[in-house]
Amino acid sequence: MSRKISGFLVAVGAFMIFEWVNLGFNLADGHSTGFYVVHGILIAVNLVLAVVLAVIGWKGLRGKRTA
């Protein structure tokens, strides 16, 4: 994997973490419980995906440096 792609994956992962955590804090009150359950699941799944992408990118960056 090239350094550009690895750096891109790390950047995308960091952006996704920031974006979804920000969304979680900005959810307004007054919605039904189902709204919060669905959005909570979306946030959790996307945070896991962001961490996986960032780890893959980080390993790609570290692998190129040590090789």
PDB file of N, CA and C in Angstrom:
ATOM      1  N   MET A   1       0.854  -1.162   0.000  1.00  0.00           N
ATOM      2  CA  MET A   1       0.000   0.000   0.000  1.00  0.00           C
ATOM      3  C   MET A   1       0.908   1.236   0.000  1.00  0.00           C
ATOM      4  N   SER A   2       0.568   2.218  -0.806  1.00  0.00           N
ATOM      5  CA  SER A   2       1.409   3.412  -0.890  1.00  0.00           C
ATOM      6  C   SER A   2       1.209   4.305   0.330  1.00  0.00           C
ATOM      7  N   ARG A   3       2.155   5.207   0.536  1.00  0.00           N
ATOM      8  CA  ARG A   3       2.061   6.148   1.659  1.00  0.00           C
ATOM      9  C   ARG A   3       0.870   7.079   1.487  1.00  0.00           C
ATOM     10  N   LYS A   4       0.541   7.444   0.243  1.00  0.00           N
ATOM     11  CA  LYS A   4      -0.613   8.312  -0.003  1.00  0.00           C
ATOM     12  C   LYS A   4      -1.904   7.637   0.448  1.00  0.00           C
ATOM     13  N   ILE A   5      -2.071   6.392   0.063  1.00  0.00           N
ATOM     14  CA  ILE A   5      -3.291   5.666   0.429  1.00  0.00           C
ATOM     15  C   ILE A   5      -3.336   5.449   1.937  1.00  0.00           C
ATOM     16  N   SER A   6      -2.220   5.114   2.541  1.00  0.00           N
ATOM     17  CA  SER A   6      -2.175   4.915   3.995  1.00  0.00           C
ATOM     18  C   SER A   6      -2.519   6.204   4.723  1.00  0.00           C
ATOM     19  N   GLY A   7      -1.941   7.315   4.289  1.00  0.00           N
ATOM     20  CA  GLY A   7      -2.243   8.611   4.893  1.00  0.00           C
ATOM     21  C   GLY A   7      -3.694   8.996   4.706  1.00  0.00           C
ATOM     22  N   PHE A   8      -4.242   8.686   3.520  1.00  0.00           N
ATOM     23  CA  PHE A   8      -5.650   8.968   3.258  1.00  0.00           C
ATOM     24  C   PHE A   8      -6.553   8.177   4.199  1.00  0.00           C
ATOM     25  N   LEU A   9      -6.245   6.897   4.411  1.00  0.00           N
ATOM     26  CA  LEU A   9      -7.054   6.075   5.313  1.00  0.00           C
ATOM     27  C   LEU A   9      -7.010   6.593   6.743  1.00  0.00           C
ATOM     28  N   VAL A  10      -5.847   7.022   7.198  1.00  0.00           N
ATOM     29  CA  VAL A  10      -5.739   7.600   8.543  1.00  0.00           C
ATOM     30  C   VAL A  10      -6.557   8.879   8.629  1.00  0.00           C
ATOM     31  N   ALA A  11      -6.472   9.721   7.600  1.00  0.00           N
ATOM     32  CA  ALA A  11      -7.223  10.983   7.590  1.00  0.00           C
ATOM     33  C   ALA A  11      -8.730  10.732   7.561  1.00  0.00           C
ATOM     34  N   VAL A  12      -9.174   9.777   6.756  1.00  0.00           N
ATOM     35  CA  VAL A  12     -10.599   9.452   6.687  1.00  0.00           C
ATOM     36  C   VAL A  12     -11.086   8.915   8.030  1.00  0.00           C
ATOM     37  N   GLY A  13     -10.299   8.045   8.645  1.00  0.00           N
ATOM     38  CA  GLY A  13     -10.672   7.511   9.955  1.00  0.00           C
ATOM     39  C   GLY A  13     -10.786   8.602  11.004  1.00  0.00           C
ATOM     40  N   ALA A  14      -9.822   9.525  11.027  1.00  0.00           N
ATOM     41  CA  ALA A  14      -9.864  10.627  11.995  1.00  0.00           C
ATOM     42  C   ALA A  14     -11.062  11.531  11.738  1.00  0.00           C
ATOM     43  N   PHE A  15     -11.338  11.822  10.470  1.00  0.00           N
ATOM     44  CA  PHE A  15     -12.485  12.661  10.135  1.00  0.00           C
ATOM     45  C   PHE A  15     -13.786  11.996  10.546  1.00  0.00           C
ATOM     46  N   MET A  16     -13.909  10.690  10.281  1.00  0.00           N
ATOM     47  CA  MET A  16     -15.138   9.985  10.638  1.00  0.00           C
ATOM     48  C   MET A  16     -15.354   9.975  12.143  1.00  0.00           C
ATOM     49  N   ILE A  17     -14.290   9.778  12.902  1.00  0.00           N
ATOM     50  CA  ILE A  17     -14.422   9.793  14.361  1.00  0.00           C
ATOM     51  C   ILE A  17     -14.907  11.161  14.819  1.00  0.00           C
ATOM     52  N   PHE A  18     -14.271  12.229  14.320  1.00  0.00           N
ATOM     53  CA  PHE A  18     -14.690  13.582  14.685  1.00  0.00           C
ATOM     54  C   PHE A  18     -16.143  13.835  14.284  1.00  0.00           C
ATOM     55  N   GLU A  19     -16.502  13.457  13.066  1.00  0.00           N
ATOM     56  CA  GLU A  19     -17.839  13.719  12.537  1.00  0.00           C
ATOM     57  C   GLU A  19     -18.927  13.012  13.345  1.00  0.00           C
ATOM     58  N   TRP A  20     -18.736  11.731  13.639  1.00  0.00           N
ATOM     59  CA  TRP A  20     -19.787  10.979  14.316  1.00  0.00           C
ATOM     60  C   TRP A  20     -19.871  11.294  15.800  1.00  0.00           C
ATOM     61  N   VAL A  21     -18.740  11.583  16.439  1.00  0.00           N
ATOM     62  CA  VAL A  21     -18.795  12.007  17.842  1.00  0.00           C
ATOM     63  C   VAL A  21     -19.505  13.353  17.928  1.00  0.00           C
ATOM     64  N   ASN A  22     -19.206  14.252  16.992  1.00  0.00           N
ATOM     65  CA  ASN A  22     -19.866  15.546  16.952  1.00  0.00           C
ATOM     66  C   ASN A  22     -21.375  15.382  16.746  1.00  0.00           C
ATOM     67  N   LEU A  23     -21.783  14.500  15.850  1.00  0.00           N
ATOM     68  CA  LEU A  23     -23.201  14.241  15.628  1.00  0.00           C
ATOM     69  C   LEU A  23     -23.850  13.709  16.907  1.00  0.00           C
ATOM     70  N   GLY A  24     -23.167  12.820  17.586  1.00  0.00           N
ATOM     71  CA  GLY A  24     -23.720  12.261  18.823  1.00  0.00           C
ATOM     72  C   GLY A  24     -23.988  13.329  19.878  1.00  0.00           C
ATOM     73  N   PHE A  25     -23.101  14.302  19.981  1.00  0.00           N
ATOM     74  CA  PHE A  25     -23.306  15.370  20.959  1.00  0.00           C
ATOM     75  C   PHE A  25     -24.347  16.386  20.509  1.00  0.00           C
ATOM     76  N   ASN A  26     -24.598  16.482  19.206  1.00  0.00           N
ATOM     77  CA  ASN A  26     -25.515  17.498  18.695  1.00  0.00           C
ATOM     78  C   ASN A  26     -26.937  17.001  18.479  1.00  0.00           C
ATOM     79  N   LEU A  27     -27.223  15.762  18.816  1.00  0.00           N
ATOM     80  CA  LEU A  27     -28.596  15.289  18.666  1.00  0.00           C
ATOM     81  C   LEU A  27     -29.498  16.058  19.624  1.00  0.00           C
ATOM     82  N   ALA A  28     -30.551  16.623  19.080  1.00  0.00           N
ATOM     83  CA  ALA A  28     -31.454  17.452  19.884  1.00  0.00           C
ATOM     84  C   ALA A  28     -32.436  16.575  20.662  1.00  0.00           C
ATOM     85  N   ASP A  29     -32.916  17.103  21.751  1.00  0.00           N
ATOM     86  CA  ASP A  29     -33.913  16.393  22.562  1.00  0.00           C
ATOM     87  C   ASP A  29     -35.277  16.460  21.877  1.00  0.00           C
ATOM     88  N   GLY A  30     -36.161  15.615  22.315  1.00  0.00           N
ATOM     89  CA  GLY A  30     -37.531  15.656  21.839  1.00  0.00           C
ATOM     90  C   GLY A  30     -37.872  14.631  20.781  1.00  0.00           C
ATOM     91  N   HIS A  31     -36.975  13.725  20.491  1.00  0.00           N
ATOM     92  CA  HIS A  31     -37.270  12.685  19.507  1.00  0.00           C
ATOM     93  C   HIS A  31     -37.706  11.414  20.226  1.00  0.00           C
ATOM     94  N   SER A  32     -38.273  10.510  19.450  1.00  0.00           N
ATOM     95  CA  SER A  32     -38.704   9.237  20.031  1.00  0.00           C
ATOM     96  C   SER A  32     -37.493   8.374  20.369  1.00  0.00           C
ATOM     97  N   THR A  33     -37.733   7.368  21.165  1.00  0.00           N
ATOM     98  CA  THR A  33     -36.662   6.468  21.578  1.00  0.00           C
ATOM     99  C   THR A  33     -36.061   5.752  20.370  1.00  0.00           C
ATOM    100  N   GLY A  34     -36.895   5.383  19.407  1.00  0.00           N
ATOM    101  CA  GLY A  34     -36.408   4.706  18.215  1.00  0.00           C
ATOM    102  C   GLY A  34     -35.386   5.536  17.460  1.00  0.00           C
ATOM    103  N   PHE A  35     -35.601   6.848  17.418  1.00  0.00           N
ATOM    104  CA  PHE A  35     -34.657   7.760  16.757  1.00  0.00           C
ATOM    105  C   PHE A  35     -33.282   7.650  17.395  1.00  0.00           C
ATOM    106  N   TYR A  36     -33.247   7.654  18.715  1.00  0.00           N
ATOM    107  CA  TYR A  36     -31.967   7.583  19.417  1.00  0.00           C
ATOM    108  C   TYR A  36     -31.329   6.208  19.303  1.00  0.00           C
ATOM    109  N   VAL A  37     -32.124   5.157  19.280  1.00  0.00           N
ATOM    110  CA  VAL A  37     -31.587   3.809  19.118  1.00  0.00           C
ATOM    111  C   VAL A  37     -30.937   3.664  17.745  1.00  0.00           C
ATOM    112  N   VAL A  38     -31.635   4.087  16.701  1.00  0.00           N
ATOM    113  CA  VAL A  38     -31.111   3.976  15.338  1.00  0.00           C
ATOM    114  C   VAL A  38     -29.844   4.805  15.184  1.00  0.00           C
ATOM    115  N   HIS A  39     -29.862   6.041  15.666  1.00  0.00           N
ATOM    116  CA  HIS A  39     -28.684   6.884  15.529  1.00  0.00           C
ATOM    117  C   HIS A  39     -27.521   6.391  16.400  1.00  0.00           C
ATOM    118  N   GLY A  40     -27.839   5.825  17.542  1.00  0.00           N
ATOM    119  CA  GLY A  40     -26.790   5.243  18.375  1.00  0.00           C
ATOM    120  C   GLY A  40     -26.111   4.074  17.682  1.00  0.00           C
ATOM    121  N   ILE A  41     -26.909   3.228  17.020  1.00  0.00           N
ATOM    122  CA  ILE A  41     -26.348   2.102  16.270  1.00  0.00           C
ATOM    123  C   ILE A  41     -25.503   2.615  15.103  1.00  0.00           C
ATOM    124  N   LEU A  42     -26.002   3.611  14.379  1.00  0.00           N
ATOM    125  CA  LEU A  42     -25.237   4.192  13.268  1.00  0.00           C
ATOM    126  C   LEU A  42     -23.908   4.765  13.751  1.00  0.00           C
ATOM    127  N   ILE A  43     -23.942   5.477  14.846  1.00  0.00           N
ATOM    128  CA  ILE A  43     -22.723   6.074  15.388  1.00  0.00           C
ATOM    129  C   ILE A  43     -21.735   4.986  15.790  1.00  0.00           C
ATOM    130  N   ALA A  44     -22.212   3.960  16.486  1.00  0.00           N
ATOM    131  CA  ALA A  44     -21.326   2.882  16.944  1.00  0.00           C
ATOM    132  C   ALA A  44     -20.687   2.147  15.760  1.00  0.00           C
ATOM    133  N   VAL A  45     -21.488   1.799  14.761  1.00  0.00           N
ATOM    134  CA  VAL A  45     -20.966   1.075  13.592  1.00  0.00           C
ATOM    135  C   VAL A  45     -19.947   1.930  12.846  1.00  0.00           C
ATOM    136  N   ASN A  46     -20.244   3.205  12.661  1.00  0.00           N
ATOM    137  CA  ASN A  46     -19.325   4.069  11.927  1.00  0.00           C
ATOM    138  C   ASN A  46     -18.055   4.360  12.713  1.00  0.00           C
ATOM    139  N   LEU A  47     -18.121   4.412  14.025  1.00  0.00           N
ATOM    140  CA  LEU A  47     -16.907   4.583  14.820  1.00  0.00           C
ATOM    141  C   LEU A  47     -16.012   3.350  14.716  1.00  0.00           C
ATOM    142  N   VAL A  48     -16.611   2.171  14.721  1.00  0.00           N
ATOM    143  CA  VAL A  48     -15.828   0.944  14.552  1.00  0.00           C
ATOM    144  C   VAL A  48     -15.182   0.927  13.165  1.00  0.00           C
ATOM    145  N   LEU A  49     -15.940   1.289  12.125  1.00  0.00           N
ATOM    146  CA  LEU A  49     -15.397   1.349  10.774  1.00  0.00           C
ATOM    147  C   LEU A  49     -14.256   2.365  10.683  1.00  0.00           C
ATOM    148  N   ALA A  50     -14.412   3.511  11.337  1.00  0.00           N
ATOM    149  CA  ALA A  50     -13.369   4.540  11.321  1.00  0.00           C
ATOM    150  C   ALA A  50     -12.096   4.034  11.987  1.00  0.00           C
ATOM    151  N   VAL A  51     -12.234   3.347  13.097  1.00  0.00           N
ATOM    152  CA  VAL A  51     -11.059   2.821  13.792  1.00  0.00           C
ATOM    153  C   VAL A  51     -10.368   1.759  12.933  1.00  0.00           C
ATOM    154  N   VAL A  52     -11.138   0.900  12.286  1.00  0.00           N
ATOM    155  CA  VAL A  52     -10.554  -0.132  11.428  1.00  0.00           C
ATOM    156  C   VAL A  52      -9.780   0.512  10.271  1.00  0.00           C
ATOM    157  N   LEU A  53     -10.368   1.518   9.618  1.00  0.00           N
ATOM    158  CA  LEU A  53      -9.679   2.195   8.520  1.00  0.00           C
ATOM    159  C   LEU A  53      -8.406   2.891   9.001  1.00  0.00           C
ATOM    160  N   ALA A  54      -8.497   3.551  10.147  1.00  0.00           N
ATOM    161  CA  ALA A  54      -7.324   4.248  10.675  1.00  0.00           C
ATOM    162  C   ALA A  54      -6.211   3.260  11.042  1.00  0.00           C
ATOM    163  N   VAL A  55      -6.558   2.127  11.607  1.00  0.00           N
ATOM    164  CA  VAL A  55      -5.549   1.122  11.971  1.00  0.00           C
ATOM    165  C   VAL A  55      -4.892   0.545  10.720  1.00  0.00           C
ATOM    166  N   ILE A  56      -5.681   0.259   9.689  1.00  0.00           N
ATOM    167  CA  ILE A  56      -5.115  -0.246   8.441  1.00  0.00           C
ATOM    168  C   ILE A  56      -4.161   0.788   7.849  1.00  0.00           C
ATOM    169  N   GLY A  57      -4.588   2.046   7.830  1.00  0.00           N
ATOM    170  CA  GLY A  57      -3.722   3.103   7.317  1.00  0.00           C
ATOM    171  C   GLY A  57      -2.470   3.275   8.146  1.00  0.00           C
ATOM    172  N   TRP A  58      -2.603   3.210   9.464  1.00  0.00           N
ATOM    173  CA  TRP A  58      -1.453   3.361  10.355  1.00  0.00           C
ATOM    174  C   TRP A  58      -0.448   2.233  10.139  1.00  0.00           C
ATOM    175  N   LYS A  59      -0.961   1.001  10.020  1.00  0.00           N
ATOM    176  CA  LYS A  59      -0.065  -0.127   9.771  1.00  0.00           C
ATOM    177  C   LYS A  59       0.632   0.021   8.426  1.00  0.00           C
ATOM    178  N   GLY A  60      -0.067   0.569   7.430  1.00  0.00           N
ATOM    179  CA  GLY A  60       0.547   0.807   6.147  1.00  0.00           C
ATOM    180  C   GLY A  60       1.653   1.839   6.230  1.00  0.00           C
ATOM    181  N   LEU A  61       1.433   2.890   7.013  1.00  0.00           N
ATOM    182  CA  LEU A  61       2.468   3.909   7.191  1.00  0.00           C
ATOM    183  C   LEU A  61       3.665   3.361   7.952  1.00  0.00           C
ATOM    184  N   ARG A  62       3.402   2.597   9.006  1.00  0.00           N
ATOM    185  CA  ARG A  62       4.476   2.042   9.815  1.00  0.00           C
ATOM    186  C   ARG A  62       5.255   0.978   9.037  1.00  0.00           C
ATOM    187  N   GLY A  63       4.580   0.210   8.217  1.00  0.00           N
ATOM    188  CA  GLY A  63       5.243  -0.831   7.449  1.00  0.00           C
ATOM    189  C   GLY A  63       6.207  -0.261   6.425  1.00  0.00           C
ATOM    190  N   LYS A  64       5.830   0.840   5.827  1.00  0.00           N
ATOM    191  CA  LYS A  64       6.703   1.469   4.833  1.00  0.00           C
ATOM    192  C   LYS A  64       7.948   2.082   5.493  1.00  0.00           C
ATOM    193  N   ARG A  65       7.801   2.590   6.707  1.00  0.00           N
ATOM    194  CA  ARG A  65       8.919   3.250   7.381  1.00  0.00           C
ATOM    195  C   ARG A  65       9.948   2.233   7.847  1.00  0.00           C
ATOM    196  N   THR A  66       9.503   1.081   8.352  1.00  0.00           N
ATOM    197  CA  THR A  66      10.431   0.106   8.907  1.00  0.00           C
ATOM    198  C   THR A  66      11.028  -0.811   7.840  1.00  0.00           C
ATOM    199  N   ALA A  67      10.414  -0.875   6.677  1.00  0.00           N
ATOM    200  CA  ALA A  67      10.898  -1.790   5.634  1.00  0.00           C
ATOM    201  C   ALA A  67      12.163  -1.264   4.969  1.00  0.00           C
TER     202      ALA A  67
END
